[in-house]
Amino acid sequence: MTSFFIGDVALDEYYTADRWPGRADKGMVKELPAEAGGSIANAAVVHAGLGGETQFISLLNDSPLSQRLIADLKENGVGVDHMLIDPAIPESRNFIFLVDGEHVVLTVEMGEQPMWLDAAALGALRQPGFLYTTLYRVRRLHARTDQGVLKQADLLADLRQHGRRVIFDLDVGGCVPEDMPYLAGAAVVNFNQVGFRAAFGHDEITMIGDWMHAHEIGWVIRTLAADGAEASNGDTVLRVAGFPVDVADVTGAGDTFGGTLTWCLSQGQTIEEALDFSVAAASRSVTIHGPRAGKANSEEIHRWLKEKRQTRMR
């Protein structure tokens, strides 16, 4: 069973600073080595590192940088059979500033160009499995079929009807009522704390049951940084504690969580088992520098989890 990841891949350019400057202020930064990254690509690499069959789709230009990013994905075991190319779009780059143990990410705007899936890509996606993606990307999906053009929410509904289970990474952006045609029927909708508050205007996961049932969403997960994560199916809330660790770089922690969660669910794990293992993988990732720090095989994560279990937060 192949999991698809549709989203961004980019060159992550790293800088450190003693403080984040205010408005009309100035500051000094130190440049660190740039690395291949991009949120959904990071998740795909983590999924592949765990042994999952992985395909990644994005829209890039045809520059040497794009070729480098695609080659890096292949080297990490990620399939790129259905990548999309448009020479007119900008270079895919992120600027990441590490300040006081946190990170600020600035992303080059890539535009809203449609992402046209060819017949091979559509056929592959019309198979049972998981699709890990973002609202920004699914709003742009189009495909031609014998019955005409399928696009956006209708295309997503078609994939679900063919057994493709969708996991949305909403991160800090949250969602608004206009997004519900996309989110309806999702297997998992994943927020961090900022995105959850943006979506619902509060921090109480027990209050969203009616919203979930109305839109037939399987699970909502909220990651809680160092405090772990929690999940709700609209009736029951599961909570998994985090781990006390020495933080080197939080970049990619959410991507590690999402890629690991997708792999766990594809292996038939329960949501509680998947949540526990994904929190461990994300906690381990922040102890290592780089957007792909979460890449590991399951044995490495199990060993790390065994060592840390005694110090787990209560």
C-alpha atoms as a PDB file:
ATOM      1  CA  MET A   1       0.000   0.000   0.000  1.00  0.00           C
ATOM      2  CA  THR A   2       1.546   3.295  -1.138  1.00  0.00           C
ATOM      3  CA  SER A   3       1.102   6.506   0.829  1.00  0.00           C
ATOM      4  CA  PHE A   4       1.069   9.716  -1.207  1.00  0.00           C
ATOM      5  CA  PHE A   5       2.357  13.043   0.041  1.00  0.00           C
ATOM      6  CA  ILE A   6       1.281  16.121  -1.928  1.00  0.00           C
ATOM      7  CA  GLY A   7       2.883  19.364  -0.832  1.00  0.00           C
ATOM      8  CA  ASP A   8       6.028  21.421  -0.684  1.00  0.00           C
ATOM      9  CA  VAL A   9       9.684  20.584  -1.110  1.00  0.00           C
ATOM     10  CA  ALA A  10      12.199  23.384  -0.780  1.00  0.00           C
ATOM     11  CA  LEU A  11      15.731  24.423   0.020  1.00  0.00           C
ATOM     12  CA  ASP A  12      15.769  25.397   3.698  1.00  0.00           C
ATOM     13  CA  GLU A  13      18.233  28.224   4.294  1.00  0.00           C
ATOM     14  CA  TYR A  14      19.120  28.407   7.997  1.00  0.00           C
ATOM     15  CA  TYR A  15      20.110  31.410  10.089  1.00  0.00           C
ATOM     16  CA  THR A  16      20.525  31.909  13.838  1.00  0.00           C
ATOM     17  CA  ALA A  17      19.997  35.116  15.790  1.00  0.00           C
ATOM     18  CA  ASP A  18      20.124  36.245  19.408  1.00  0.00           C
ATOM     19  CA  ARG A  19      16.715  37.851  19.057  1.00  0.00           C
ATOM     20  CA  TRP A  20      13.952  38.441  16.524  1.00  0.00           C
ATOM     21  CA  PRO A  21      13.998  42.141  15.522  1.00  0.00           C
ATOM     22  CA  GLY A  22      10.931  44.277  15.979  1.00  0.00           C
ATOM     23  CA  ARG A  23       9.290  46.555  13.445  1.00  0.00           C
ATOM     24  CA  ALA A  24      11.699  49.039  11.837  1.00  0.00           C
ATOM     25  CA  ASP A  25      14.503  47.317  13.768  1.00  0.00           C
ATOM     26  CA  LYS A  26      17.750  45.706  12.629  1.00  0.00           C
ATOM     27  CA  GLY A  27      19.487  42.538  13.671  1.00  0.00           C
ATOM     28  CA  MET A  28      22.466  40.355  12.923  1.00  0.00           C
ATOM     29  CA  VAL A  29      22.156  36.727  11.814  1.00  0.00           C
ATOM     30  CA  LYS A  30      24.609  33.893  11.372  1.00  0.00           C
ATOM     31  CA  GLU A  31      24.236  31.727   8.284  1.00  0.00           C
ATOM     32  CA  LEU A  32      24.180  27.951   8.657  1.00  0.00           C
ATOM     33  CA  PRO A  33      24.432  25.349   5.865  1.00  0.00           C
ATOM     34  CA  ALA A  34      21.310  25.108   3.707  1.00  0.00           C
ATOM     35  CA  GLU A  35      19.502  21.769   3.569  1.00  0.00           C
ATOM     36  CA  ALA A  36      16.776  20.169   1.486  1.00  0.00           C
ATOM     37  CA  GLY A  37      13.485  20.444   3.342  1.00  0.00           C
ATOM     38  CA  GLY A  38       9.906  21.567   2.911  1.00  0.00           C
ATOM     39  CA  SER A  39       7.206  20.496   5.341  1.00  0.00           C
ATOM     40  CA  ILE A  40       5.397  17.765   3.401  1.00  0.00           C
ATOM     41  CA  ALA A  41       8.619  16.524   1.813  1.00  0.00           C
ATOM     42  CA  ASN A  42      10.092  16.146   5.303  1.00  0.00           C
ATOM     43  CA  ALA A  43       7.091  14.054   6.316  1.00  0.00           C
ATOM     44  CA  ALA A  44       7.499  11.907   3.196  1.00  0.00           C
ATOM     45  CA  VAL A  45      11.186  11.291   3.971  1.00  0.00           C
ATOM     46  CA  VAL A  46      10.301  10.246   7.526  1.00  0.00           C
ATOM     47  CA  HIS A  47       7.619   7.881   6.188  1.00  0.00           C
ATOM     48  CA  ALA A  48      10.063   6.332   3.709  1.00  0.00           C
ATOM     49  CA  GLY A  49      12.749   6.014   6.392  1.00  0.00           C
ATOM     50  CA  LEU A  50      10.376   3.902   8.435  1.00  0.00           C
ATOM     51  CA  GLY A  51      10.006   1.568   5.471  1.00  0.00           C
ATOM     52  CA  GLY A  52       6.765   2.887   4.013  1.00  0.00           C
ATOM     53  CA  GLU A  53       6.053   2.829   0.282  1.00  0.00           C
ATOM     54  CA  THR A  54       6.100   6.554  -0.454  1.00  0.00           C
ATOM     55  CA  GLN A  55       5.237   8.770  -3.412  1.00  0.00           C
ATOM     56  CA  PHE A  56       5.612  12.550  -3.391  1.00  0.00           C
ATOM     57  CA  ILE A  57       3.978  15.073  -5.721  1.00  0.00           C
ATOM     58  CA  SER A  58       4.785  18.767  -5.952  1.00  0.00           C
ATOM     59  CA  LEU A  59       4.947  21.476  -8.604  1.00  0.00           C
ATOM     60  CA  LEU A  60       8.442  22.814  -9.274  1.00  0.00           C
ATOM     61  CA  ASN A  61      10.272  24.673 -11.993  1.00  0.00           C
ATOM     62  CA  ASP A  62      12.954  22.999 -14.119  1.00  0.00           C
ATOM     63  CA  SER A  63      16.001  24.662 -12.533  1.00  0.00           C
ATOM     64  CA  PRO A  64      19.128  22.940 -11.173  1.00  0.00           C
ATOM     65  CA  LEU A  65      17.774  23.580  -7.654  1.00  0.00           C
ATOM     66  CA  SER A  66      14.574  21.707  -8.467  1.00  0.00           C
ATOM     67  CA  GLN A  67      16.579  18.841  -9.926  1.00  0.00           C
ATOM     68  CA  ARG A  68      18.650  18.782  -6.733  1.00  0.00           C
ATOM     69  CA  LEU A  69      15.522  18.647  -4.560  1.00  0.00           C
ATOM     70  CA  ILE A  70      14.028  15.805  -6.606  1.00  0.00           C
ATOM     71  CA  ALA A  71      17.313  13.872  -6.505  1.00  0.00           C
ATOM     72  CA  ASP A  72      17.448  14.288  -2.732  1.00  0.00           C
ATOM     73  CA  LEU A  73      13.966  12.819  -2.359  1.00  0.00           C
ATOM     74  CA  LYS A  74      14.960   9.808  -4.450  1.00  0.00           C
ATOM     75  CA  GLU A  75      18.106   9.317  -2.374  1.00  0.00           C
ATOM     76  CA  ASN A  76      15.866   9.217   0.698  1.00  0.00           C
ATOM     77  CA  GLY A  77      13.684   6.461  -0.733  1.00  0.00           C
ATOM     78  CA  VAL A  78      10.791   8.690  -1.798  1.00  0.00           C
ATOM     79  CA  GLY A  79       9.175   7.993  -5.162  1.00  0.00           C
ATOM     80  CA  VAL A  80       8.875  10.964  -7.527  1.00  0.00           C
ATOM     81  CA  ASP A  81       7.156   9.252 -10.443  1.00  0.00           C
ATOM     82  CA  HIS A  82       4.404  11.873 -10.677  1.00  0.00           C
ATOM     83  CA  MET A  83       6.236  15.158 -10.036  1.00  0.00           C
ATOM     84  CA  LEU A  84       4.876  18.201 -11.907  1.00  0.00           C
ATOM     85  CA  ILE A  85       7.029  20.798 -13.695  1.00  0.00           C
ATOM     86  CA  ASP A  86       6.223  24.391 -14.660  1.00  0.00           C
ATOM     87  CA  PRO A  87       9.272  26.439 -15.761  1.00  0.00           C
ATOM     88  CA  ALA A  88       7.525  29.716 -14.911  1.00  0.00           C
ATOM     89  CA  ILE A  89       7.205  29.329 -11.143  1.00  0.00           C
ATOM     90  CA  PRO A  90       9.791  30.691  -8.647  1.00  0.00           C
ATOM     91  CA  GLU A  91      12.529  28.726  -6.940  1.00  0.00           C
ATOM     92  CA  SER A  92      11.257  26.761  -3.951  1.00  0.00           C
ATOM     93  CA  ARG A  93      13.018  28.140  -0.861  1.00  0.00           C
ATOM     94  CA  ASN A  94      12.383  28.658   2.849  1.00  0.00           C
ATOM     95  CA  PHE A  95      14.256  31.020   5.154  1.00  0.00           C
ATOM     96  CA  ILE A  96      14.435  29.601   8.680  1.00  0.00           C
ATOM     97  CA  PHE A  97      15.577  31.690  11.634  1.00  0.00           C
ATOM     98  CA  LEU A  98      16.440  29.879  14.874  1.00  0.00           C
ATOM     99  CA  VAL A  99      15.900  32.183  17.857  1.00  0.00           C
ATOM    100  CA  ASP A 100      15.631  31.237  21.553  1.00  0.00           C
ATOM    101  CA  GLY A 101      14.919  27.557  20.894  1.00  0.00           C
ATOM    102  CA  GLU A 102      12.108  28.327  18.445  1.00  0.00           C
ATOM    103  CA  HIS A 103      11.997  28.937  14.716  1.00  0.00           C
ATOM    104  CA  VAL A 104      10.513  31.511  12.364  1.00  0.00           C
ATOM    105  CA  VAL A 105       9.929  30.301   8.806  1.00  0.00           C
ATOM    106  CA  LEU A 106       9.533  32.592   5.793  1.00  0.00           C
ATOM    107  CA  THR A 107       8.495  30.858   2.571  1.00  0.00           C
ATOM    108  CA  VAL A 108       8.822  32.201  -0.964  1.00  0.00           C
ATOM    109  CA  GLU A 109       5.317  32.499  -2.442  1.00  0.00           C
ATOM    110  CA  MET A 110       4.965  29.933  -5.221  1.00  0.00           C
ATOM    111  CA  GLY A 111       1.630  31.119  -6.611  1.00  0.00           C
ATOM    112  CA  GLU A 112      -1.721  29.398  -7.124  1.00  0.00           C
ATOM    113  CA  GLN A 113      -1.074  27.584 -10.402  1.00  0.00           C
ATOM    114  CA  PRO A 114      -3.283  24.510 -10.934  1.00  0.00           C
ATOM    115  CA  MET A 115      -1.599  21.168 -10.352  1.00  0.00           C
ATOM    116  CA  TRP A 116      -2.761  18.921 -13.215  1.00  0.00           C
ATOM    117  CA  LEU A 117      -2.482  15.226 -12.399  1.00  0.00           C
ATOM    118  CA  ASP A 118      -1.975  13.006 -15.437  1.00  0.00           C
ATOM    119  CA  ALA A 119      -3.791   9.699 -15.946  1.00  0.00           C
ATOM    120  CA  ALA A 120      -1.020   7.681 -14.304  1.00  0.00           C
ATOM    121  CA  ALA A 121      -1.010   9.851 -11.179  1.00  0.00           C
ATOM    122  CA  LEU A 122      -4.790   9.804 -10.912  1.00  0.00           C
ATOM    123  CA  GLY A 123      -4.838   6.044 -11.346  1.00  0.00           C
ATOM    124  CA  ALA A 124      -2.247   5.571  -8.620  1.00  0.00           C
ATOM    125  CA  LEU A 125      -4.121   7.879  -6.247  1.00  0.00           C
ATOM    126  CA  ARG A 126      -7.361   5.998  -6.942  1.00  0.00           C
ATOM    127  CA  GLN A 127      -6.003   3.084  -4.934  1.00  0.00           C
ATOM    128  CA  PRO A 128      -6.487   2.361  -1.217  1.00  0.00           C
ATOM    129  CA  GLY A 129      -3.937   4.027   1.018  1.00  0.00           C
ATOM    130  CA  PHE A 130      -3.227   7.327   2.724  1.00  0.00           C
ATOM    131  CA  LEU A 131      -2.813  10.814   1.282  1.00  0.00           C
ATOM    132  CA  TYR A 132      -0.988  13.333   3.461  1.00  0.00           C
ATOM    133  CA  THR A 133      -1.457  16.897   2.249  1.00  0.00           C
ATOM    134  CA  THR A 134      -2.416  20.516   2.939  1.00  0.00           C
ATOM    135  CA  LEU A 135      -5.325  22.762   2.042  1.00  0.00           C
ATOM    136  CA  TYR A 136      -2.994  24.957  -0.021  1.00  0.00           C
ATOM    137  CA  ARG A 137      -2.227  22.037  -2.326  1.00  0.00           C
ATOM    138  CA  VAL A 138      -5.611  20.311  -2.643  1.00  0.00           C
ATOM    139  CA  ARG A 139      -7.222  23.607  -3.661  1.00  0.00           C
ATOM    140  CA  ARG A 140      -4.999  23.427  -6.752  1.00  0.00           C
ATOM    141  CA  LEU A 141      -5.475  19.791  -7.792  1.00  0.00           C
ATOM    142  CA  HIS A 142      -7.020  19.080 -11.209  1.00  0.00           C
ATOM    143  CA  ALA A 143      -7.329  15.945 -13.344  1.00  0.00           C
ATOM    144  CA  ARG A 144      -8.918  15.129 -16.688  1.00  0.00           C
ATOM    145  CA  THR A 145     -11.088  12.017 -16.829  1.00  0.00           C
ATOM    146  CA  ASP A 146     -13.318  10.420 -19.453  1.00  0.00           C
ATOM    147  CA  GLN A 147     -16.225  12.193 -17.773  1.00  0.00           C
ATOM    148  CA  GLY A 148     -14.565  15.618 -17.825  1.00  0.00           C
ATOM    149  CA  VAL A 149     -12.406  17.609 -15.432  1.00  0.00           C
ATOM    150  CA  LEU A 150     -12.270  16.723 -11.746  1.00  0.00           C
ATOM    151  CA  LYS A 151     -10.818  19.391  -9.508  1.00  0.00           C
ATOM    152  CA  GLN A 152     -10.346  20.543  -5.939  1.00  0.00           C
ATOM    153  CA  ALA A 153     -12.911  19.196  -3.454  1.00  0.00           C
ATOM    154  CA  ASP A 154     -14.638  17.053  -6.073  1.00  0.00           C
ATOM    155  CA  LEU A 155     -11.342  15.398  -6.963  1.00  0.00           C
ATOM    156  CA  LEU A 156     -10.631  14.758  -3.306  1.00  0.00           C
ATOM    157  CA  ALA A 157     -14.072  13.203  -2.847  1.00  0.00           C
ATOM    158  CA  ASP A 158     -13.408  10.952  -5.846  1.00  0.00           C
ATOM    159  CA  LEU A 159     -10.152   9.739  -4.295  1.00  0.00           C
ATOM    160  CA  ARG A 160     -11.889   8.996  -0.999  1.00  0.00           C
ATOM    161  CA  GLN A 161     -14.524   6.982  -2.834  1.00  0.00           C
ATOM    162  CA  HIS A 162     -11.690   4.869  -4.267  1.00  0.00           C
ATOM    163  CA  GLY A 163     -10.313   4.143  -0.789  1.00  0.00           C
ATOM    164  CA  ARG A 164      -7.753   6.937  -0.410  1.00  0.00           C
ATOM    165  CA  ARG A 165      -7.791   8.073   3.242  1.00  0.00           C
ATOM    166  CA  VAL A 166      -6.804  11.724   3.641  1.00  0.00           C
ATOM    167  CA  ILE A 167      -4.666  13.149   6.440  1.00  0.00           C
ATOM    168  CA  PHE A 168      -4.580  16.950   6.498  1.00  0.00           C
ATOM    169  CA  ASP A 169      -1.655  18.838   7.986  1.00  0.00           C
ATOM    170  CA  LEU A 170      -3.152  22.203   8.946  1.00  0.00           C
ATOM    171  CA  ASP A 171      -0.188  23.238  11.112  1.00  0.00           C
ATOM    172  CA  VAL A 172      -0.495  26.894  12.208  1.00  0.00           C
ATOM    173  CA  GLY A 173      -3.007  27.945   9.550  1.00  0.00           C
ATOM    174  CA  GLY A 174      -6.107  26.234  10.899  1.00  0.00           C
ATOM    175  CA  CYS A 175      -9.211  26.272   8.730  1.00  0.00           C
ATOM    176  CA  VAL A 176     -12.318  28.345   7.985  1.00  0.00           C
ATOM    177  CA  PRO A 177     -15.877  27.320   6.992  1.00  0.00           C
ATOM    178  CA  GLU A 178     -15.013  27.609   3.291  1.00  0.00           C
ATOM    179  CA  ASP A 179     -12.498  24.786   3.745  1.00  0.00           C
ATOM    180  CA  MET A 180     -15.035  22.213   4.896  1.00  0.00           C
ATOM    181  CA  PRO A 181     -15.757  20.695   1.448  1.00  0.00           C
ATOM    182  CA  TYR A 182     -12.096  19.622   1.482  1.00  0.00           C
ATOM    183  CA  LEU A 183     -11.908  18.456   5.084  1.00  0.00           C
ATOM    184  CA  ALA A 184     -15.223  16.570   5.045  1.00  0.00           C
ATOM    185  CA  GLY A 185     -14.637  12.835   5.343  1.00  0.00           C
ATOM    186  CA  ALA A 186     -10.956  13.178   6.270  1.00  0.00           C
ATOM    187  CA  ALA A 187      -9.424  10.317   8.215  1.00  0.00           C
ATOM    188  CA  VAL A 188      -7.316  12.733  10.300  1.00  0.00           C
ATOM    189  CA  VAL A 189      -7.083  16.504  10.592  1.00  0.00           C
ATOM    190  CA  ASN A 190      -3.879  17.520  12.334  1.00  0.00           C
ATOM    191  CA  PHE A 191      -3.321  20.928  13.977  1.00  0.00           C
ATOM    192  CA  ASN A 192      -0.681  22.364  16.222  1.00  0.00           C
ATOM    193  CA  GLN A 193      -1.756  24.606  19.108  1.00  0.00           C
ATOM    194  CA  VAL A 194      -1.727  27.789  17.030  1.00  0.00           C
ATOM    195  CA  GLY A 195      -3.699  26.244  14.170  1.00  0.00           C
ATOM    196  CA  PHE A 196      -6.292  24.726  16.514  1.00  0.00           C
ATOM    197  CA  ARG A 197      -6.935  28.076  18.166  1.00  0.00           C
ATOM    198  CA  ALA A 198      -7.133  29.796  14.784  1.00  0.00           C
ATOM    199  CA  ALA A 199      -9.739  27.266  13.641  1.00  0.00           C
ATOM    200  CA  PHE A 200     -11.953  27.139  16.722  1.00  0.00           C
ATOM    201  CA  GLY A 201     -11.190  30.262  18.753  1.00  0.00           C
ATOM    202  CA  HIS A 202     -10.449  28.230  21.885  1.00  0.00           C
ATOM    203  CA  ASP A 203      -8.118  25.506  23.183  1.00  0.00           C
ATOM    204  CA  GLU A 204     -10.592  22.830  24.287  1.00  0.00           C
ATOM    205  CA  ILE A 205     -10.542  19.709  22.133  1.00  0.00           C
ATOM    206  CA  THR A 206     -13.561  18.264  23.971  1.00  0.00           C
ATOM    207  CA  MET A 207     -15.756  21.005  22.474  1.00  0.00           C
ATOM    208  CA  ILE A 208     -15.402  20.068  18.786  1.00  0.00           C
ATOM    209  CA  GLY A 209     -17.384  16.803  18.718  1.00  0.00           C
ATOM    210  CA  ASP A 210     -20.421  18.245  16.948  1.00  0.00           C
ATOM    211  CA  TRP A 211     -18.172  19.860  14.323  1.00  0.00           C
ATOM    212  CA  MET A 212     -16.400  16.561  13.709  1.00  0.00           C
ATOM    213  CA  HIS A 213     -19.577  14.511  13.441  1.00  0.00           C
ATOM    214  CA  ALA A 214     -21.210  17.050  11.129  1.00  0.00           C
ATOM    215  CA  HIS A 215     -18.288  16.765   8.695  1.00  0.00           C
ATOM    216  CA  GLU A 216     -17.597  13.035   9.191  1.00  0.00           C
ATOM    217  CA  ILE A 217     -14.005  13.588  10.277  1.00  0.00           C
ATOM    218  CA  GLY A 218     -12.424  10.503  11.805  1.00  0.00           C
ATOM    219  CA  TRP A 219      -9.905  12.052  14.179  1.00  0.00           C
ATOM    220  CA  VAL A 220      -8.650  15.511  15.078  1.00  0.00           C
ATOM    221  CA  ILE A 221      -5.134  15.608  16.483  1.00  0.00           C
ATOM    222  CA  ARG A 222      -3.563  18.567  18.226  1.00  0.00           C
ATOM    223  CA  THR A 223       0.184  18.462  18.795  1.00  0.00           C
ATOM    224  CA  LEU A 224       1.301  20.165  22.002  1.00  0.00           C
ATOM    225  CA  ALA A 225       5.041  20.712  21.423  1.00  0.00           C
ATOM    226  CA  ALA A 226       6.952  19.450  24.501  1.00  0.00           C
ATOM    227  CA  ASP A 227       3.711  18.357  26.163  1.00  0.00           C
ATOM    228  CA  GLY A 228       2.988  15.626  23.599  1.00  0.00           C
ATOM    229  CA  ALA A 229      -0.279  15.380  21.664  1.00  0.00           C
ATOM    230  CA  GLU A 230      -3.981  14.695  22.039  1.00  0.00           C
ATOM    231  CA  ALA A 231      -6.598  13.255  19.707  1.00  0.00           C
ATOM    232  CA  SER A 232     -10.381  13.175  19.566  1.00  0.00           C
ATOM    233  CA  ASN A 233     -12.854  11.177  17.502  1.00  0.00           C
ATOM    234  CA  GLY A 234     -15.638  13.501  18.618  1.00  0.00           C
ATOM    235  CA  ASP A 235     -16.543  11.352  21.623  1.00  0.00           C
ATOM    236  CA  THR A 236     -13.285  10.173  23.206  1.00  0.00           C
ATOM    237  CA  VAL A 237     -10.101  12.136  23.876  1.00  0.00           C
ATOM    238  CA  LEU A 238      -6.716  10.405  23.971  1.00  0.00           C
ATOM    239  CA  ARG A 239      -3.685  12.152  25.462  1.00  0.00           C
ATOM    240  CA  VAL A 240      -0.033  11.186  25.107  1.00  0.00           C
ATOM    241  CA  ALA A 241       2.655  12.889  27.169  1.00  0.00           C
ATOM    242  CA  GLY A 242       5.836  14.335  25.765  1.00  0.00           C
ATOM    243  CA  PHE A 243       9.453  13.807  26.779  1.00  0.00           C
ATOM    244  CA  PRO A 244      11.948  16.124  28.492  1.00  0.00           C
ATOM    245  CA  VAL A 245      14.746  16.551  25.949  1.00  0.00           C
ATOM    246  CA  ASP A 246      17.558  18.950  25.155  1.00  0.00           C
ATOM    247  CA  VAL A 247      16.314  20.847  22.111  1.00  0.00           C
ATOM    248  CA  ALA A 248      18.733  21.408  19.230  1.00  0.00           C
ATOM    249  CA  ASP A 249      16.270  22.392  16.470  1.00  0.00           C
ATOM    250  CA  VAL A 250      12.461  22.205  16.421  1.00  0.00           C
ATOM    251  CA  THR A 251      12.311  22.537  12.619  1.00  0.00           C
ATOM    252  CA  GLY A 252      10.604  19.488  11.179  1.00  0.00           C
ATOM    253  CA  ALA A 253       9.202  18.158  14.462  1.00  0.00           C
ATOM    254  CA  GLY A 254       5.621  18.480  13.230  1.00  0.00           C
ATOM    255  CA  ASP A 255       6.618  16.925   9.905  1.00  0.00           C
ATOM    256  CA  THR A 256       8.217  14.011  11.747  1.00  0.00           C
ATOM    257  CA  PHE A 257       5.018  13.558  13.737  1.00  0.00           C
ATOM    258  CA  GLY A 258       2.872  13.590  10.589  1.00  0.00           C
ATOM    259  CA  GLY A 259       5.064  11.259   8.545  1.00  0.00           C
ATOM    260  CA  THR A 260       5.351   8.819  11.444  1.00  0.00           C
ATOM    261  CA  LEU A 261       1.611   8.940  12.125  1.00  0.00           C
ATOM    262  CA  THR A 262       0.874   8.123   8.476  1.00  0.00           C
ATOM    263  CA  TRP A 263       3.262   5.169   8.564  1.00  0.00           C
ATOM    264  CA  CYS A 264       1.800   3.854  11.829  1.00  0.00           C
ATOM    265  CA  LEU A 265      -1.765   4.002  10.522  1.00  0.00           C
ATOM    266  CA  SER A 266      -0.730   2.359   7.255  1.00  0.00           C
ATOM    267  CA  GLN A 267       0.666  -0.517   9.344  1.00  0.00           C
ATOM    268  CA  GLY A 268      -2.730  -1.043  10.953  1.00  0.00           C
ATOM    269  CA  GLN A 269      -1.857   0.468  14.325  1.00  0.00           C
ATOM    270  CA  THR A 270      -4.599   1.925  16.489  1.00  0.00           C
ATOM    271  CA  ILE A 271      -4.711   5.695  16.796  1.00  0.00           C
ATOM    272  CA  GLU A 272      -3.473   5.413  20.387  1.00  0.00           C
ATOM    273  CA  GLU A 273      -0.460   3.323  19.340  1.00  0.00           C
ATOM    274  CA  ALA A 274       0.227   5.683  16.430  1.00  0.00           C
ATOM    275  CA  LEU A 275      -0.014   8.747  18.660  1.00  0.00           C
ATOM    276  CA  ASP A 276       2.426   7.333  21.205  1.00  0.00           C
ATOM    277  CA  PHE A 277       5.027   6.321  18.616  1.00  0.00           C
ATOM    278  CA  SER A 278       4.690   9.577  16.670  1.00  0.00           C
ATOM    279  CA  VAL A 279       5.235  11.718  19.772  1.00  0.00           C
ATOM    280  CA  ALA A 280       8.380   9.703  20.503  1.00  0.00           C
ATOM    281  CA  ALA A 281       9.644  10.174  16.940  1.00  0.00           C
ATOM    282  CA  ALA A 282       8.983  13.929  17.019  1.00  0.00           C
ATOM    283  CA  SER A 283      10.580  14.310  20.456  1.00  0.00           C
ATOM    284  CA  ARG A 284      13.685  12.504  19.258  1.00  0.00           C
ATOM    285  CA  SER A 285      13.859  14.691  16.142  1.00  0.00           C
ATOM    286  CA  VAL A 286      14.217  17.976  18.047  1.00  0.00           C
ATOM    287  CA  THR A 287      17.445  16.736  19.645  1.00  0.00           C
ATOM    288  CA  ILE A 288      19.094  16.768  16.189  1.00  0.00           C
ATOM    289  CA  HIS A 289      19.694  19.735  13.881  1.00  0.00           C
ATOM    290  CA  GLY A 290      18.049  19.871  10.465  1.00  0.00           C
ATOM    291  CA  PRO A 291      14.640  19.583   8.781  1.00  0.00           C
ATOM    292  CA  ARG A 292      15.126  15.844   8.142  1.00  0.00           C
ATOM    293  CA  ALA A 293      16.349  15.056  11.661  1.00  0.00           C
ATOM    294  CA  GLY A 294      13.304  12.871  12.206  1.00  0.00           C
ATOM    295  CA  LYS A 295      14.380  10.316   9.609  1.00  0.00           C
ATOM    296  CA  ALA A 296      14.922   6.995  11.389  1.00  0.00           C
ATOM    297  CA  ASN A 297      13.897   3.371  11.165  1.00  0.00           C
ATOM    298  CA  SER A 298      11.400   1.949  13.616  1.00  0.00           C
ATOM    299  CA  GLU A 299      14.088   0.105  15.603  1.00  0.00           C
ATOM    300  CA  GLU A 300      15.934   3.371  16.274  1.00  0.00           C
ATOM    301  CA  ILE A 301      12.783   5.025  17.547  1.00  0.00           C
ATOM    302  CA  HIS A 302      11.863   2.002  19.687  1.00  0.00           C
ATOM    303  CA  ARG A 303      15.329   2.074  21.277  1.00  0.00           C
ATOM    304  CA  TRP A 304      15.059   5.799  21.933  1.00  0.00           C
ATOM    305  CA  LEU A 305      11.577   5.368  23.381  1.00  0.00           C
ATOM    306  CA  LYS A 306      12.720   2.579  25.691  1.00  0.00           C
ATOM    307  CA  GLU A 307      15.571   4.725  27.003  1.00  0.00           C
ATOM    308  CA  LYS A 308      13.359   7.749  27.576  1.00  0.00           C
ATOM    309  CA  ARG A 309      10.217   6.085  28.921  1.00  0.00           C
ATOM    310  CA  GLN A 310      11.339   6.388  32.524  1.00  0.00           C
ATOM    311  CA  THR A 311      11.742  10.159  32.218  1.00  0.00           C
ATOM    312  CA  ARG A 312       8.468  10.775  30.417  1.00  0.00           C
ATOM    313  CA  MET A 313       6.419  13.741  31.599  1.00  0.00           C
ATOM    314  CA  ARG A 314       3.473  12.931  33.831  1.00  0.00           C
END
